[in-house]
Amino acid sequence: MTAVHSAPRYASNDGVKAALSAALGKMLVDAHEEHGEILLTVKRDSIEDALRLLRDEHEYQQLMEIAGVDYPQRAERFEVVYMLLSVTRNHRVMVKVTASEKTPVPTVTTLWPNAGWLEREVFDLYGVLFDGNTDLRRILTDYGFEGHPFRKDFPLTGYHELRYSEEEKRVVYEPVDLPQELRQFDFMSPWEGADYVLPGDEKAATPPVDEPKTTEKPSETGAGAKADEEAADKVSAAAPAEGDSELEESAPEPTEDREDRAKREGKTRETKSATEPKEKGE
């Protein structure tokens, strides 16, 4: 028997953006569709009210994920992205707010209890504060960890390293010490054009040649009839091989001759007795 579900197998975005934009009203900052999904940007202070409206009146029952994004060049460098799922409509929307290091985002643990751990992840990795979260502790990094590793200005090697010390027989933390200048990321791409001079760029300052040399006539290239005549001349005219010589009609007589060896007896091969010639009379 075929089961019939109320939720469609493939949900369409037709009319969703207009309906949600009208419902959010002044709380909405921007709404657009990208990569087949509806993205809604709302005011940071209104995030709790906006998500409650989407949950209660538009059937987006589940909070699937909270993610962070870092844009260091912006005044409010962080984006907090809430991903909602409507089970009854089989549809997803993404709601975003912006924040800085000093502007906390209202918590949504009052709407979904699982938001507590998700907000702790964003706080741990990006340093975004959530106002109203009563258990805002690190959740992925180790105890005593300094910094937030998903920020773009956080060095790839970190500030401290963890290793097991054979001398102390325990795990120890030590500052990372690198001999190279790999500690800071300046956001400059050599392909897009850096402000500083890269190795090898000093060659580009060499002025170009005023008049490139060209060969308009064959005489300037060294080719021509005279060059062909010189090439046809013999390199060494007095060489014996190039002189006139008469070839001998017959092969020269051999300088040494000997009688044919007698056929060896037996089947022995590659031994001293077999390879040495026998004396006459043996």
C-alpha atoms as a PDB file:
ATOM      1  CA  MET A   1       0.000   0.000   0.000  1.00  0.00           C
ATOM      2  CA  THR A   2       1.370   3.401  -0.972  1.00  0.00           C
ATOM      3  CA  ALA A   3       1.765   5.836   1.925  1.00  0.00           C
ATOM      4  CA  VAL A   4       0.539   9.361   1.221  1.00  0.00           C
ATOM      5  CA  HIS A   5       2.300  12.194   3.079  1.00  0.00           C
ATOM      6  CA  SER A   6       1.086  15.728   3.436  1.00  0.00           C
ATOM      7  CA  ALA A   7       4.574  17.158   2.863  1.00  0.00           C
ATOM      8  CA  PRO A   8       5.615  17.368  -0.802  1.00  0.00           C
ATOM      9  CA  ARG A   9       8.645  15.427  -1.950  1.00  0.00           C
ATOM     10  CA  TYR A  10      10.194  18.511  -3.496  1.00  0.00           C
ATOM     11  CA  ALA A  11       9.208  21.888  -2.072  1.00  0.00           C
ATOM     12  CA  SER A  12       9.126  24.961  -4.276  1.00  0.00           C
ATOM     13  CA  ASN A  13      10.295  28.474  -3.406  1.00  0.00           C
ATOM     14  CA  ASP A  14       7.478  30.090  -5.357  1.00  0.00           C
ATOM     15  CA  GLY A  15       5.881  32.822  -3.274  1.00  0.00           C
ATOM     16  CA  VAL A  16       7.864  31.947  -0.127  1.00  0.00           C
ATOM     17  CA  LYS A  17      10.110  35.007  -0.169  1.00  0.00           C
ATOM     18  CA  ALA A  18       7.227  37.416  -0.653  1.00  0.00           C
ATOM     19  CA  ALA A  19       5.117  35.774   2.049  1.00  0.00           C
ATOM     20  CA  LEU A  20       7.888  35.688   4.666  1.00  0.00           C
ATOM     21  CA  SER A  21       9.039  39.217   3.837  1.00  0.00           C
ATOM     22  CA  ALA A  22       5.539  40.546   4.379  1.00  0.00           C
ATOM     23  CA  ALA A  23       5.211  38.631   7.642  1.00  0.00           C
ATOM     24  CA  LEU A  24       8.519  39.828   9.093  1.00  0.00           C
ATOM     25  CA  GLY A  25       7.839  43.475   8.210  1.00  0.00           C
ATOM     26  CA  LYS A  26      10.210  45.934   9.882  1.00  0.00           C
ATOM     27  CA  MET A  27      12.298  43.145  11.365  1.00  0.00           C
ATOM     28  CA  LEU A  28      13.536  42.256   7.866  1.00  0.00           C
ATOM     29  CA  VAL A  29      16.705  43.828   6.446  1.00  0.00           C
ATOM     30  CA  ASP A  30      17.083  41.850   3.207  1.00  0.00           C
ATOM     31  CA  ALA A  31      15.524  38.852   1.464  1.00  0.00           C
ATOM     32  CA  HIS A  32      16.765  37.048  -1.623  1.00  0.00           C
ATOM     33  CA  GLU A  33      17.086  33.599  -3.143  1.00  0.00           C
ATOM     34  CA  GLU A  34      20.509  32.059  -3.645  1.00  0.00           C
ATOM     35  CA  HIS A  35      21.536  28.527  -4.637  1.00  0.00           C
ATOM     36  CA  GLY A  36      17.922  27.393  -4.461  1.00  0.00           C
ATOM     37  CA  GLU A  37      17.362  28.576  -0.878  1.00  0.00           C
ATOM     38  CA  ILE A  38      15.620  31.573   0.686  1.00  0.00           C
ATOM     39  CA  LEU A  39      17.967  33.800   2.714  1.00  0.00           C
ATOM     40  CA  LEU A  40      16.477  36.282   5.168  1.00  0.00           C
ATOM     41  CA  THR A  41      18.581  38.890   6.974  1.00  0.00           C
ATOM     42  CA  VAL A  42      16.873  40.354  10.036  1.00  0.00           C
ATOM     43  CA  LYS A  43      17.833  42.886  12.677  1.00  0.00           C
ATOM     44  CA  ARG A  44      20.015  41.454  15.419  1.00  0.00           C
ATOM     45  CA  ASP A  45      17.766  42.593  18.297  1.00  0.00           C
ATOM     46  CA  SER A  46      14.711  41.055  16.594  1.00  0.00           C
ATOM     47  CA  ILE A  47      16.112  37.589  15.927  1.00  0.00           C
ATOM     48  CA  GLU A  48      14.137  35.894  18.703  1.00  0.00           C
ATOM     49  CA  ASP A  49      10.837  37.422  17.593  1.00  0.00           C
ATOM     50  CA  ALA A  50      11.545  36.646  13.928  1.00  0.00           C
ATOM     51  CA  LEU A  51      12.321  32.993  14.585  1.00  0.00           C
ATOM     52  CA  ARG A  52       9.287  32.627  16.847  1.00  0.00           C
ATOM     53  CA  LEU A  53       7.111  34.012  14.055  1.00  0.00           C
ATOM     54  CA  LEU A  54       8.569  31.552  11.544  1.00  0.00           C
ATOM     55  CA  ARG A  55       8.120  28.647  13.944  1.00  0.00           C
ATOM     56  CA  ASP A  56       4.574  29.343  15.129  1.00  0.00           C
ATOM     57  CA  GLU A  57       2.910  30.891  12.068  1.00  0.00           C
ATOM     58  CA  HIS A  58       4.837  29.482   9.095  1.00  0.00           C
ATOM     59  CA  GLU A  59       5.495  25.912  10.261  1.00  0.00           C
ATOM     60  CA  TYR A  60       9.286  26.022  10.483  1.00  0.00           C
ATOM     61  CA  GLN A  61       9.337  23.731  13.480  1.00  0.00           C
ATOM     62  CA  GLN A  62      12.977  22.631  13.694  1.00  0.00           C
ATOM     63  CA  LEU A  63      16.236  24.484  14.196  1.00  0.00           C
ATOM     64  CA  MET A  64      18.708  22.313  12.303  1.00  0.00           C
ATOM     65  CA  GLU A  65      21.940  24.284  12.711  1.00  0.00           C
ATOM     66  CA  ILE A  66      23.542  27.560  13.774  1.00  0.00           C
ATOM     67  CA  ALA A  67      26.678  28.511  11.842  1.00  0.00           C
ATOM     68  CA  GLY A  68      29.111  31.400  11.976  1.00  0.00           C
ATOM     69  CA  VAL A  69      30.893  33.290   9.205  1.00  0.00           C
ATOM     70  CA  ASP A  70      33.773  35.750   9.571  1.00  0.00           C
ATOM     71  CA  TYR A  71      34.315  38.776   7.308  1.00  0.00           C
ATOM     72  CA  PRO A  72      37.208  40.716   8.925  1.00  0.00           C
ATOM     73  CA  GLN A  73      36.901  43.673   6.542  1.00  0.00           C
ATOM     74  CA  ARG A  74      33.364  44.507   7.743  1.00  0.00           C
ATOM     75  CA  ALA A  75      32.491  46.696  10.712  1.00  0.00           C
ATOM     76  CA  GLU A  76      30.290  43.896  12.055  1.00  0.00           C
ATOM     77  CA  ARG A  77      32.559  41.082  10.982  1.00  0.00           C
ATOM     78  CA  PHE A  78      30.439  38.092  12.016  1.00  0.00           C
ATOM     79  CA  GLU A  79      27.316  36.564  10.538  1.00  0.00           C
ATOM     80  CA  VAL A  80      25.239  34.129  12.591  1.00  0.00           C
ATOM     81  CA  VAL A  81      23.157  31.887  10.329  1.00  0.00           C
ATOM     82  CA  TYR A  82      20.090  29.981  11.589  1.00  0.00           C
ATOM     83  CA  MET A  83      18.917  27.082   9.400  1.00  0.00           C
ATOM     84  CA  LEU A  84      15.247  26.190   9.817  1.00  0.00           C
ATOM     85  CA  LEU A  85      13.293  23.192   8.523  1.00  0.00           C
ATOM     86  CA  SER A  86       9.565  22.848   7.995  1.00  0.00           C
ATOM     87  CA  VAL A  87       8.684  19.182   8.422  1.00  0.00           C
ATOM     88  CA  THR A  88       5.103  19.610   7.219  1.00  0.00           C
ATOM     89  CA  ARG A  89       6.084  21.582   4.113  1.00  0.00           C
ATOM     90  CA  ASN A  90       9.471  19.942   3.504  1.00  0.00           C
ATOM     91  CA  HIS A  91      11.072  23.355   3.074  1.00  0.00           C
ATOM     92  CA  ARG A  92      14.139  25.120   4.466  1.00  0.00           C
ATOM     93  CA  VAL A  93      15.029  28.761   5.025  1.00  0.00           C
ATOM     94  CA  MET A  94      18.151  30.488   6.318  1.00  0.00           C
ATOM     95  CA  VAL A  95      17.954  33.479   8.645  1.00  0.00           C
ATOM     96  CA  LYS A  96      21.016  35.655   9.234  1.00  0.00           C
ATOM     97  CA  VAL A  97      22.069  38.411  11.635  1.00  0.00           C
ATOM     98  CA  THR A  98      25.312  40.382  11.844  1.00  0.00           C
ATOM     99  CA  ALA A  99      27.376  41.016  14.950  1.00  0.00           C
ATOM    100  CA  SER A 100      30.744  42.285  16.104  1.00  0.00           C
ATOM    101  CA  GLU A 101      33.036  41.174  18.890  1.00  0.00           C
ATOM    102  CA  LYS A 102      31.284  43.475  21.367  1.00  0.00           C
ATOM    103  CA  THR A 103      27.647  43.226  20.252  1.00  0.00           C
ATOM    104  CA  PRO A 104      25.920  40.127  21.678  1.00  0.00           C
ATOM    105  CA  VAL A 105      23.192  38.279  19.829  1.00  0.00           C
ATOM    106  CA  PRO A 106      19.977  37.433  21.727  1.00  0.00           C
ATOM    107  CA  THR A 107      19.782  33.731  22.542  1.00  0.00           C
ATOM    108  CA  VAL A 108      17.118  31.495  21.014  1.00  0.00           C
ATOM    109  CA  THR A 109      17.300  28.829  23.722  1.00  0.00           C
ATOM    110  CA  THR A 110      13.843  30.042  24.722  1.00  0.00           C
ATOM    111  CA  LEU A 111      12.549  28.667  21.392  1.00  0.00           C
ATOM    112  CA  TRP A 112      14.668  25.522  20.892  1.00  0.00           C
ATOM    113  CA  PRO A 113      16.601  23.884  23.735  1.00  0.00           C
ATOM    114  CA  ASN A 114      19.179  22.468  21.298  1.00  0.00           C
ATOM    115  CA  ALA A 115      20.259  26.035  20.502  1.00  0.00           C
ATOM    116  CA  GLY A 116      22.286  26.013  23.714  1.00  0.00           C
ATOM    117  CA  TRP A 117      24.976  23.732  22.337  1.00  0.00           C
ATOM    118  CA  LEU A 118      24.843  25.298  18.890  1.00  0.00           C
ATOM    119  CA  GLU A 119      25.413  28.774  20.331  1.00  0.00           C
ATOM    120  CA  ARG A 120      28.303  27.415  22.385  1.00  0.00           C
ATOM    121  CA  GLU A 121      29.954  26.151  19.187  1.00  0.00           C
ATOM    122  CA  VAL A 122      29.687  29.564  17.518  1.00  0.00           C
ATOM    123  CA  PHE A 123      31.017  31.234  20.660  1.00  0.00           C
ATOM    124  CA  ASP A 124      33.920  28.799  20.940  1.00  0.00           C
ATOM    125  CA  LEU A 125      35.021  28.999  17.297  1.00  0.00           C
ATOM    126  CA  TYR A 126      34.224  32.650  16.481  1.00  0.00           C
ATOM    127  CA  GLY A 127      33.872  34.459  19.805  1.00  0.00           C
ATOM    128  CA  VAL A 128      30.293  35.641  19.185  1.00  0.00           C
ATOM    129  CA  LEU A 129      28.481  36.390  22.438  1.00  0.00           C
ATOM    130  CA  PHE A 130      24.882  35.292  23.025  1.00  0.00           C
ATOM    131  CA  ASP A 131      22.889  37.328  25.481  1.00  0.00           C
ATOM    132  CA  GLY A 132      20.675  35.161  27.679  1.00  0.00           C
ATOM    133  CA  ASN A 133      22.558  31.870  27.262  1.00  0.00           C
ATOM    134  CA  THR A 134      23.144  30.730  30.840  1.00  0.00           C
ATOM    135  CA  ASP A 135      25.798  28.141  29.896  1.00  0.00           C
ATOM    136  CA  LEU A 136      28.009  29.929  27.379  1.00  0.00           C
ATOM    137  CA  ARG A 137      31.174  27.837  27.729  1.00  0.00           C
ATOM    138  CA  ARG A 138      33.650  26.427  25.260  1.00  0.00           C
ATOM    139  CA  ILE A 139      32.528  23.116  23.819  1.00  0.00           C
ATOM    140  CA  LEU A 140      35.068  22.026  21.157  1.00  0.00           C
ATOM    141  CA  THR A 141      38.453  23.460  22.184  1.00  0.00           C
ATOM    142  CA  ASP A 142      40.449  22.338  25.190  1.00  0.00           C
ATOM    143  CA  TYR A 143      40.528  23.829  28.659  1.00  0.00           C
ATOM    144  CA  GLY A 144      42.533  27.048  28.809  1.00  0.00           C
ATOM    145  CA  PHE A 145      42.455  27.515  25.026  1.00  0.00           C
ATOM    146  CA  GLU A 146      43.188  31.076  23.942  1.00  0.00           C
ATOM    147  CA  GLY A 147      41.544  32.690  20.936  1.00  0.00           C
ATOM    148  CA  HIS A 148      38.880  31.504  18.509  1.00  0.00           C
ATOM    149  CA  PRO A 149      40.255  29.206  15.771  1.00  0.00           C
ATOM    150  CA  PHE A 150      37.675  29.883  13.028  1.00  0.00           C
ATOM    151  CA  ARG A 151      38.453  33.579  12.804  1.00  0.00           C
ATOM    152  CA  LYS A 152      40.277  34.524   9.621  1.00  0.00           C
ATOM    153  CA  ASP A 153      43.048  36.320  11.525  1.00  0.00           C
ATOM    154  CA  PHE A 154      43.772  33.307  13.740  1.00  0.00           C
ATOM    155  CA  PRO A 155      47.126  31.723  12.701  1.00  0.00           C
ATOM    156  CA  LEU A 156      46.898  28.266  11.204  1.00  0.00           C
ATOM    157  CA  THR A 157      49.444  26.928  13.697  1.00  0.00           C
ATOM    158  CA  GLY A 158      47.677  28.445  16.696  1.00  0.00           C
ATOM    159  CA  TYR A 159      49.405  30.130  19.609  1.00  0.00           C
ATOM    160  CA  HIS A 160      50.098  27.076  21.755  1.00  0.00           C
ATOM    161  CA  GLU A 161      50.927  23.461  20.986  1.00  0.00           C
ATOM    162  CA  LEU A 162      50.078  20.365  22.990  1.00  0.00           C
ATOM    163  CA  ARG A 163      52.519  17.473  23.288  1.00  0.00           C
ATOM    164  CA  TYR A 164      53.501  14.658  25.622  1.00  0.00           C
ATOM    165  CA  SER A 165      56.710  15.330  27.554  1.00  0.00           C
ATOM    166  CA  GLU A 166      58.921  12.317  28.238  1.00  0.00           C
ATOM    167  CA  GLU A 167      60.795  14.258  30.895  1.00  0.00           C
ATOM    168  CA  GLU A 168      57.701  15.267  32.862  1.00  0.00           C
ATOM    169  CA  LYS A 169      55.639  12.182  31.915  1.00  0.00           C
ATOM    170  CA  ARG A 170      52.545  14.272  31.172  1.00  0.00           C
ATOM    171  CA  VAL A 171      50.889  16.406  28.544  1.00  0.00           C
ATOM    172  CA  VAL A 172      52.307  19.941  28.416  1.00  0.00           C
ATOM    173  CA  TYR A 173      51.349  23.170  26.646  1.00  0.00           C
ATOM    174  CA  GLU A 174      54.046  25.284  25.022  1.00  0.00           C
ATOM    175  CA  PRO A 175      53.990  28.449  22.893  1.00  0.00           C
ATOM    176  CA  VAL A 176      54.421  27.736  19.190  1.00  0.00           C
ATOM    177  CA  ASP A 177      57.847  28.882  17.995  1.00  0.00           C
ATOM    178  CA  LEU A 178      58.336  29.085  14.225  1.00  0.00           C
ATOM    179  CA  PRO A 179      61.547  30.258  12.550  1.00  0.00           C
ATOM    180  CA  GLN A 180      59.652  31.567   9.505  1.00  0.00           C
ATOM    181  CA  GLU A 181      57.397  34.588   9.275  1.00  0.00           C
ATOM    182  CA  LEU A 182      54.207  32.539   9.055  1.00  0.00           C
ATOM    183  CA  ARG A 183      52.405  33.908  12.058  1.00  0.00           C
ATOM    184  CA  GLN A 184      50.183  36.590  10.610  1.00  0.00           C
ATOM    185  CA  PHE A 185      47.800  36.601   7.661  1.00  0.00           C
ATOM    186  CA  ASP A 186      47.708  39.929   5.785  1.00  0.00           C
ATOM    187  CA  PHE A 187      44.816  39.086   3.424  1.00  0.00           C
ATOM    188  CA  MET A 188      46.983  40.109   0.444  1.00  0.00           C
ATOM    189  CA  SER A 189      46.907  37.891  -2.615  1.00  0.00           C
ATOM    190  CA  PRO A 190      49.896  37.991  -4.988  1.00  0.00           C
ATOM    191  CA  TRP A 191      47.559  37.087  -7.875  1.00  0.00           C
ATOM    192  CA  GLU A 192      45.374  40.137  -7.246  1.00  0.00           C
ATOM    193  CA  GLY A 193      48.294  42.486  -6.644  1.00  0.00           C
ATOM    194  CA  ALA A 194      50.015  42.988  -3.299  1.00  0.00           C
ATOM    195  CA  ASP A 195      51.153  46.330  -1.889  1.00  0.00           C
ATOM    196  CA  TYR A 196      54.627  44.991  -1.135  1.00  0.00           C
ATOM    197  CA  VAL A 197      57.254  43.887  -3.678  1.00  0.00           C
ATOM    198  CA  LEU A 198      57.353  40.147  -4.180  1.00  0.00           C
ATOM    199  CA  PRO A 199      60.655  38.355  -4.967  1.00  0.00           C
ATOM    200  CA  GLY A 200      61.318  38.661  -8.680  1.00  0.00           C
ATOM    201  CA  ASP A 201      59.090  41.701  -9.209  1.00  0.00           C
ATOM    202  CA  GLU A 202      62.137  43.976  -9.358  1.00  0.00           C
ATOM    203  CA  LYS A 203      62.792  42.633 -12.864  1.00  0.00           C
ATOM    204  CA  ALA A 204      59.603  44.263 -14.071  1.00  0.00           C
ATOM    205  CA  ALA A 205      61.165  47.697 -13.532  1.00  0.00           C
ATOM    206  CA  THR A 206      63.648  47.136 -16.407  1.00  0.00           C
ATOM    207  CA  PRO A 207      62.712  49.551 -19.245  1.00  0.00           C
ATOM    208  CA  PRO A 208      61.798  47.951 -22.573  1.00  0.00           C
ATOM    209  CA  VAL A 209      64.031  48.157 -25.644  1.00  0.00           C
ATOM    210  CA  ASP A 210      63.467  51.371 -27.618  1.00  0.00           C
ATOM    211  CA  GLU A 211      63.930  49.869 -31.085  1.00  0.00           C
ATOM    212  CA  PRO A 212      63.855  46.091 -31.398  1.00  0.00           C
ATOM    213  CA  LYS A 213      66.451  44.752 -33.861  1.00  0.00           C
ATOM    214  CA  THR A 214      64.958  43.308 -37.033  1.00  0.00           C
ATOM    215  CA  THR A 215      66.459  41.684 -40.155  1.00  0.00           C
ATOM    216  CA  GLU A 216      64.904  43.261 -43.192  1.00  0.00           C
ATOM    217  CA  LYS A 217      67.338  41.873 -45.831  1.00  0.00           C
ATOM    218  CA  PRO A 218      68.931  38.418 -46.301  1.00  0.00           C
ATOM    219  CA  SER A 219      72.390  39.982 -46.132  1.00  0.00           C
ATOM    220  CA  GLU A 220      71.739  40.984 -42.527  1.00  0.00           C
ATOM    221  CA  THR A 221      71.010  37.399 -41.540  1.00  0.00           C
ATOM    222  CA  GLY A 222      74.273  35.983 -42.932  1.00  0.00           C
ATOM    223  CA  ALA A 223      72.493  33.861 -45.520  1.00  0.00           C
ATOM    224  CA  GLY A 224      72.991  33.999 -49.284  1.00  0.00           C
ATOM    225  CA  ALA A 225      75.055  32.607 -52.174  1.00  0.00           C
ATOM    226  CA  LYS A 226      78.387  33.486 -50.570  1.00  0.00           C
ATOM    227  CA  ALA A 227      77.508  31.604 -47.406  1.00  0.00           C
ATOM    228  CA  ASP A 228      76.387  28.625 -49.459  1.00  0.00           C
ATOM    229  CA  GLU A 229      79.734  28.547 -51.324  1.00  0.00           C
ATOM    230  CA  GLU A 230      81.716  28.665 -48.104  1.00  0.00           C
ATOM    231  CA  ALA A 231      79.619  25.829 -46.702  1.00  0.00           C
ATOM    232  CA  ALA A 232      80.307  23.741 -49.804  1.00  0.00           C
ATOM    233  CA  ASP A 233      84.090  24.069 -49.426  1.00  0.00           C
ATOM    234  CA  LYS A 234      85.937  21.151 -47.882  1.00  0.00           C
ATOM    235  CA  VAL A 235      86.887  21.683 -44.289  1.00  0.00           C
ATOM    236  CA  SER A 236      90.340  20.089 -44.677  1.00  0.00           C
ATOM    237  CA  ALA A 237      91.454  19.896 -48.313  1.00  0.00           C
ATOM    238  CA  ALA A 238      94.814  18.252 -47.496  1.00  0.00           C
ATOM    239  CA  ALA A 239      93.323  15.356 -45.592  1.00  0.00           C
ATOM    240  CA  PRO A 240      94.517  11.952 -46.853  1.00  0.00           C
ATOM    241  CA  ALA A 241      91.011  10.573 -46.969  1.00  0.00           C
ATOM    242  CA  GLU A 242      89.955  13.317 -49.353  1.00  0.00           C
ATOM    243  CA  GLY A 243      92.858  12.799 -51.761  1.00  0.00           C
ATOM    244  CA  ASP A 244      92.681  10.633 -54.844  1.00  0.00           C
ATOM    245  CA  SER A 245      93.632   7.033 -54.046  1.00  0.00           C
ATOM    246  CA  GLU A 246      93.424   3.755 -55.917  1.00  0.00           C
ATOM    247  CA  LEU A 247      91.668   0.935 -54.176  1.00  0.00           C
ATOM    248  CA  GLU A 248      93.424  -2.424 -54.158  1.00  0.00           C
ATOM    249  CA  GLU A 249      91.748  -4.904 -56.433  1.00  0.00           C
ATOM    250  CA  SER A 250      92.265  -7.882 -54.113  1.00  0.00           C
ATOM    251  CA  ALA A 251      92.380  -8.364 -50.385  1.00  0.00           C
ATOM    252  CA  PRO A 252      95.816  -8.312 -48.759  1.00  0.00           C
ATOM    253  CA  GLU A 253      97.574 -11.544 -47.943  1.00  0.00           C
ATOM    254  CA  PRO A 254      97.200 -12.681 -44.363  1.00  0.00           C
ATOM    255  CA  THR A 255     100.202 -11.923 -42.167  1.00  0.00           C
ATOM    256  CA  GLU A 256      99.841 -15.154 -40.189  1.00  0.00           C
ATOM    257  CA  ASP A 257      98.615 -18.590 -41.091  1.00  0.00           C
ATOM    258  CA  ARG A 258      98.283 -21.858 -39.223  1.00  0.00           C
ATOM    259  CA  GLU A 259      96.889 -25.257 -39.783  1.00  0.00           C
ATOM    260  CA  ASP A 260      93.291 -26.015 -38.916  1.00  0.00           C
ATOM    261  CA  ARG A 261      92.738 -27.437 -35.452  1.00  0.00           C
ATOM    262  CA  ALA A 262      91.976 -31.088 -35.132  1.00  0.00           C
ATOM    263  CA  LYS A 263      88.455 -31.951 -34.118  1.00  0.00           C
ATOM    264  CA  ARG A 264      88.196 -32.556 -30.375  1.00  0.00           C
ATOM    265  CA  GLU A 265      87.144 -35.919 -29.109  1.00  0.00           C
ATOM    266  CA  GLY A 266      84.300 -36.476 -26.728  1.00  0.00           C
ATOM    267  CA  LYS A 267      81.476 -34.154 -25.611  1.00  0.00           C
ATOM    268  CA  THR A 268      83.362 -32.209 -22.964  1.00  0.00           C
ATOM    269  CA  ARG A 269      83.057 -28.462 -23.286  1.00  0.00           C
ATOM    270  CA  GLU A 270      84.313 -25.410 -21.494  1.00  0.00           C
ATOM    271  CA  THR A 271      86.967 -27.277 -19.537  1.00  0.00           C
ATOM    272  CA  LYS A 272      90.698 -26.869 -19.533  1.00  0.00           C
ATOM    273  CA  SER A 273      91.323 -30.172 -21.343  1.00  0.00           C
ATOM    274  CA  ALA A 274      88.717 -29.380 -23.948  1.00  0.00           C
ATOM    275  CA  THR A 275      89.853 -25.847 -24.721  1.00  0.00           C
ATOM    276  CA  GLU A 276      93.623 -26.465 -24.879  1.00  0.00           C
ATOM    277  CA  PRO A 277      94.827 -27.587 -28.326  1.00  0.00           C
ATOM    278  CA  LYS A 278      96.294 -31.069 -28.495  1.00  0.00           C
ATOM    279  CA  GLU A 279      99.906 -31.565 -29.455  1.00  0.00           C
ATOM    280  CA  LYS A 280     100.751 -33.466 -32.589  1.00  0.00           C
ATOM    281  CA  GLY A 281     101.053 -37.192 -32.023  1.00  0.00           C
ATOM    282  CA  GLU A 282      98.549 -37.263 -29.093  1.00  0.00           C
END
